Amino acid sequence: TDFINKRKFRFTTPPQEMFAPYKKIGLMHFGLFLGALPIFIAAHSKIFEICLMIFLIFLKLAIELYTHHKNQTSPEDKLETMPIS
């Protein structure tokens, strides 16, 4: 809704919008593989495995909240960094 209501479309280009999700998706898959490694190593202990999965869930949530907040910059901030042509 911010894209239309706050006219954020004026401060971006179609290629930027098209490739914007891929950085987050790539990072998410890297984190999944990295997070699965300790779970496979600790597969002999169910309690440790469950605690590790709960920790990874909260870690993923914290990272997603941080990246969401980071991506919610105002259009004026982006305008100041855009080159003038």
N, C-alpha and C. Protein backbone atom coordinates (compact mmCIF):
# COMPACT_ATOMS: atom_id res chain seq x y z
N THR A 1 0.81 -1.20 0.00
CA THR A 1 0.00 0.00 0.00
C THR A 1 0.86 1.26 0.00
N ASP A 2 2.04 1.18 0.61
CA ASP A 2 2.92 2.35 0.59
C ASP A 2 3.39 2.67 -0.82
N PHE A 3 3.47 1.63 -1.64
CA PHE A 3 3.97 1.82 -3.00
C PHE A 3 3.07 2.76 -3.78
N ILE A 4 1.76 2.65 -3.57
CA ILE A 4 0.81 3.50 -4.30
C ILE A 4 0.39 4.70 -3.45
N ASN A 5 -0.01 4.46 -2.20
CA ASN A 5 -0.52 5.54 -1.36
C ASN A 5 0.51 6.63 -1.08
N LYS A 6 1.73 6.22 -0.78
CA LYS A 6 2.78 7.20 -0.49
C LYS A 6 3.65 7.49 -1.71
N ARG A 7 3.23 6.99 -2.86
CA ARG A 7 3.87 7.24 -4.15
C ARG A 7 5.36 6.86 -4.16
N LYS A 8 5.67 5.71 -3.57
CA LYS A 8 7.06 5.25 -3.56
C LYS A 8 7.51 4.79 -4.94
N PHE A 9 6.57 4.60 -5.86
CA PHE A 9 6.93 4.19 -7.22
C PHE A 9 7.73 5.27 -7.94
N ARG A 10 7.68 6.49 -7.47
CA ARG A 10 8.43 7.57 -8.10
C ARG A 10 9.93 7.50 -7.79
N PHE A 11 10.28 6.73 -6.77
CA PHE A 11 11.68 6.69 -6.31
C PHE A 11 12.36 5.37 -6.62
N THR A 12 11.81 4.60 -7.55
CA THR A 12 12.41 3.31 -7.90
C THR A 12 12.24 3.06 -9.39
N THR A 13 12.91 2.04 -9.86
CA THR A 13 12.80 1.65 -11.27
C THR A 13 12.26 0.23 -11.34
N PRO A 14 11.70 -0.16 -12.48
CA PRO A 14 11.20 -1.55 -12.60
C PRO A 14 12.27 -2.62 -12.34
N PRO A 15 13.51 -2.48 -12.85
CA PRO A 15 14.51 -3.51 -12.53
C PRO A 15 14.82 -3.60 -11.03
N GLN A 16 14.83 -2.47 -10.33
CA GLN A 16 15.07 -2.51 -8.88
C GLN A 16 13.97 -3.27 -8.18
N GLU A 17 12.74 -3.03 -8.56
CA GLU A 17 11.60 -3.72 -7.93
C GLU A 17 11.58 -5.19 -8.31
N MET A 18 11.99 -5.51 -9.53
CA MET A 18 11.95 -6.89 -9.99
C MET A 18 12.98 -7.76 -9.26
N PHE A 19 14.17 -7.22 -8.98
CA PHE A 19 15.22 -8.00 -8.35
C PHE A 19 15.31 -7.80 -6.84
N ALA A 20 14.50 -6.95 -6.27
CA ALA A 20 14.57 -6.68 -4.83
C ALA A 20 14.34 -7.91 -3.95
N PRO A 21 13.40 -8.80 -4.23
CA PRO A 21 13.17 -9.94 -3.33
C PRO A 21 14.28 -10.98 -3.35
N TYR A 22 15.08 -11.04 -4.43
CA TYR A 22 16.04 -12.13 -4.56
C TYR A 22 17.15 -12.09 -3.52
N LYS A 23 17.54 -10.91 -3.08
CA LYS A 23 18.57 -10.82 -2.05
C LYS A 23 18.05 -11.45 -0.75
N LYS A 24 16.83 -11.15 -0.41
CA LYS A 24 16.24 -11.70 0.82
C LYS A 24 16.03 -13.22 0.69
N ILE A 25 15.57 -13.68 -0.47
CA ILE A 25 15.34 -15.10 -0.68
C ILE A 25 16.67 -15.87 -0.62
N GLY A 26 17.70 -15.34 -1.24
CA GLY A 26 19.02 -15.99 -1.20
C GLY A 26 19.56 -16.07 0.21
N LEU A 27 19.43 -15.00 0.96
CA LEU A 27 19.89 -14.99 2.34
C LEU A 27 19.09 -15.98 3.19
N MET A 28 17.79 -16.08 2.94
CA MET A 28 16.95 -17.01 3.69
C MET A 28 17.38 -18.46 3.42
N HIS A 29 17.66 -18.81 2.17
CA HIS A 29 18.08 -20.17 1.85
C HIS A 29 19.46 -20.48 2.43
N PHE A 30 20.34 -19.53 2.39
CA PHE A 30 21.66 -19.72 3.01
C PHE A 30 21.50 -19.98 4.51
N GLY A 31 20.63 -19.21 5.16
CA GLY A 31 20.39 -19.40 6.59
C GLY A 31 19.76 -20.74 6.89
N LEU A 32 18.88 -21.20 6.02
CA LEU A 32 18.27 -22.52 6.23
C LEU A 32 19.31 -23.63 6.18
N PHE A 33 20.19 -23.58 5.19
CA PHE A 33 21.23 -24.60 5.10
C PHE A 33 22.20 -24.51 6.26
N LEU A 34 22.57 -23.30 6.61
CA LEU A 34 23.50 -23.11 7.73
C LEU A 34 22.86 -23.53 9.05
N GLY A 35 21.57 -23.27 9.20
CA GLY A 35 20.88 -23.65 10.43
C GLY A 35 20.59 -25.13 10.52
N ALA A 36 20.44 -25.79 9.38
CA ALA A 36 20.16 -27.23 9.39
C ALA A 36 21.39 -28.05 9.75
N LEU A 37 22.56 -27.54 9.50
CA LEU A 37 23.78 -28.28 9.77
C LEU A 37 23.92 -28.67 11.24
N PRO A 38 23.78 -27.75 12.21
CA PRO A 38 23.89 -28.17 13.61
C PRO A 38 22.78 -29.14 14.03
N ILE A 39 21.61 -29.03 13.42
CA ILE A 39 20.53 -29.95 13.77
C ILE A 39 20.87 -31.36 13.32
N PHE A 40 21.44 -31.50 12.14
CA PHE A 40 21.85 -32.82 11.67
C PHE A 40 22.99 -33.38 12.51
N ILE A 41 23.91 -32.51 12.93
CA ILE A 41 25.02 -32.96 13.77
C ILE A 41 24.51 -33.43 15.13
N ALA A 42 23.53 -32.71 15.68
CA ALA A 42 23.03 -33.02 17.03
C ALA A 42 21.80 -33.91 16.99
N ALA A 43 21.65 -34.71 15.96
CA ALA A 43 20.44 -35.53 15.80
C ALA A 43 20.31 -36.61 16.86
N HIS A 44 21.37 -36.91 17.60
CA HIS A 44 21.29 -37.95 18.61
C HIS A 44 20.62 -37.46 19.89
N SER A 45 20.48 -36.16 20.09
CA SER A 45 19.88 -35.61 21.31
C SER A 45 18.61 -34.84 20.93
N LYS A 46 17.46 -35.42 21.25
CA LYS A 46 16.18 -34.79 20.87
C LYS A 46 15.96 -33.46 21.59
N ILE A 47 16.32 -33.36 22.85
CA ILE A 47 16.09 -32.12 23.60
C ILE A 47 16.95 -31.00 23.03
N PHE A 48 18.21 -31.30 22.74
CA PHE A 48 19.09 -30.29 22.17
C PHE A 48 18.60 -29.89 20.78
N GLU A 49 18.13 -30.86 20.02
CA GLU A 49 17.62 -30.59 18.68
C GLU A 49 16.41 -29.66 18.73
N ILE A 50 15.49 -29.90 19.65
CA ILE A 50 14.29 -29.06 19.79
C ILE A 50 14.67 -27.65 20.24
N CYS A 51 15.57 -27.55 21.20
CA CYS A 51 16.02 -26.23 21.67
C CYS A 51 16.71 -25.46 20.55
N LEU A 52 17.51 -26.16 19.76
CA LEU A 52 18.20 -25.51 18.65
C LEU A 52 17.21 -25.03 17.59
N MET A 53 16.18 -25.82 17.31
CA MET A 53 15.18 -25.39 16.33
C MET A 53 14.41 -24.17 16.83
N ILE A 54 14.07 -24.15 18.11
CA ILE A 54 13.37 -22.98 18.68
C ILE A 54 14.26 -21.74 18.60
N PHE A 55 15.53 -21.91 18.91
CA PHE A 55 16.47 -20.79 18.81
C PHE A 55 16.55 -20.27 17.37
N LEU A 56 16.63 -21.19 16.40
CA LEU A 56 16.72 -20.78 15.00
C LEU A 56 15.45 -20.09 14.52
N ILE A 57 14.31 -20.50 15.02
CA ILE A 57 13.05 -19.84 14.67
C ILE A 57 13.06 -18.39 15.14
N PHE A 58 13.48 -18.17 16.39
CA PHE A 58 13.52 -16.80 16.91
C PHE A 58 14.61 -15.97 16.22
N LEU A 59 15.72 -16.61 15.88
CA LEU A 59 16.78 -15.90 15.15
C LEU A 59 16.28 -15.47 13.78
N LYS A 60 15.58 -16.35 13.08
CA LYS A 60 15.02 -16.02 11.77
C LYS A 60 14.01 -14.88 11.88
N LEU A 61 13.18 -14.93 12.91
CA LEU A 61 12.19 -13.87 13.12
C LEU A 61 12.89 -12.52 13.36
N ALA A 62 13.92 -12.52 14.18
CA ALA A 62 14.65 -11.28 14.47
C ALA A 62 15.30 -10.72 13.21
N ILE A 63 15.89 -11.59 12.39
CA ILE A 63 16.54 -11.12 11.17
C ILE A 63 15.51 -10.57 10.19
N GLU A 64 14.37 -11.23 10.07
CA GLU A 64 13.32 -10.73 9.17
C GLU A 64 12.76 -9.40 9.63
N LEU A 65 12.57 -9.22 10.93
CA LEU A 65 12.09 -7.94 11.44
C LEU A 65 13.11 -6.84 11.19
N TYR A 66 14.39 -7.16 11.35
CA TYR A 66 15.44 -6.18 11.11
C TYR A 66 15.48 -5.78 9.64
N THR A 67 15.43 -6.77 8.73
CA THR A 67 15.50 -6.44 7.31
C THR A 67 14.24 -5.71 6.86
N HIS A 68 13.09 -6.05 7.44
CA HIS A 68 11.86 -5.34 7.08
C HIS A 68 11.96 -3.87 7.51
N HIS A 69 12.46 -3.65 8.72
CA HIS A 69 12.62 -2.27 9.21
C HIS A 69 13.64 -1.51 8.37
N LYS A 70 14.71 -2.20 7.97
CA LYS A 70 15.75 -1.56 7.17
C LYS A 70 15.23 -1.17 5.79
N ASN A 71 14.32 -1.99 5.23
CA ASN A 71 13.79 -1.71 3.90
C ASN A 71 12.70 -0.65 3.91
N GLN A 72 12.24 -0.22 5.05
CA GLN A 72 11.17 0.77 5.13
C GLN A 72 11.72 2.18 5.27
N THR A 73 12.74 2.51 4.47
CA THR A 73 13.26 3.87 4.48
C THR A 73 12.32 4.78 3.73
N SER A 74 12.37 6.03 4.04
CA SER A 74 11.47 6.98 3.39
C SER A 74 11.96 7.30 1.98
N PRO A 75 11.07 7.66 1.08
CA PRO A 75 11.47 8.01 -0.29
C PRO A 75 12.44 9.19 -0.32
N GLU A 76 12.33 10.09 0.64
CA GLU A 76 13.24 11.23 0.68
C GLU A 76 14.68 10.78 0.92
N ASP A 77 14.87 9.73 1.75
CA ASP A 77 16.22 9.22 1.97
C ASP A 77 16.80 8.63 0.69
N LYS A 78 15.96 7.92 -0.06
CA LYS A 78 16.44 7.34 -1.31
C LYS A 78 16.69 8.44 -2.35
N LEU A 79 15.90 9.49 -2.32
CA LEU A 79 16.07 10.58 -3.28
C LEU A 79 17.41 11.26 -3.09
N GLU A 80 17.86 11.39 -1.83
CA GLU A 80 19.13 12.04 -1.58
C GLU A 80 20.31 11.23 -2.11
N THR A 81 20.15 9.89 -2.20
CA THR A 81 21.26 9.06 -2.67
C THR A 81 21.18 8.75 -4.15
N MET A 82 20.09 9.12 -4.82
CA MET A 82 19.96 8.84 -6.25
C MET A 82 20.79 9.85 -7.04
N PRO A 83 21.49 9.36 -8.08
CA PRO A 83 22.28 10.29 -8.90
C PRO A 83 21.37 11.18 -9.74
N ILE A 84 21.83 12.39 -9.95
CA ILE A 84 21.06 13.34 -10.76
C ILE A 84 21.54 13.21 -12.21
N SER A 85 20.56 13.01 -13.11
CA SER A 85 20.97 12.84 -14.51
C SER A 85 20.49 13.99 -15.37
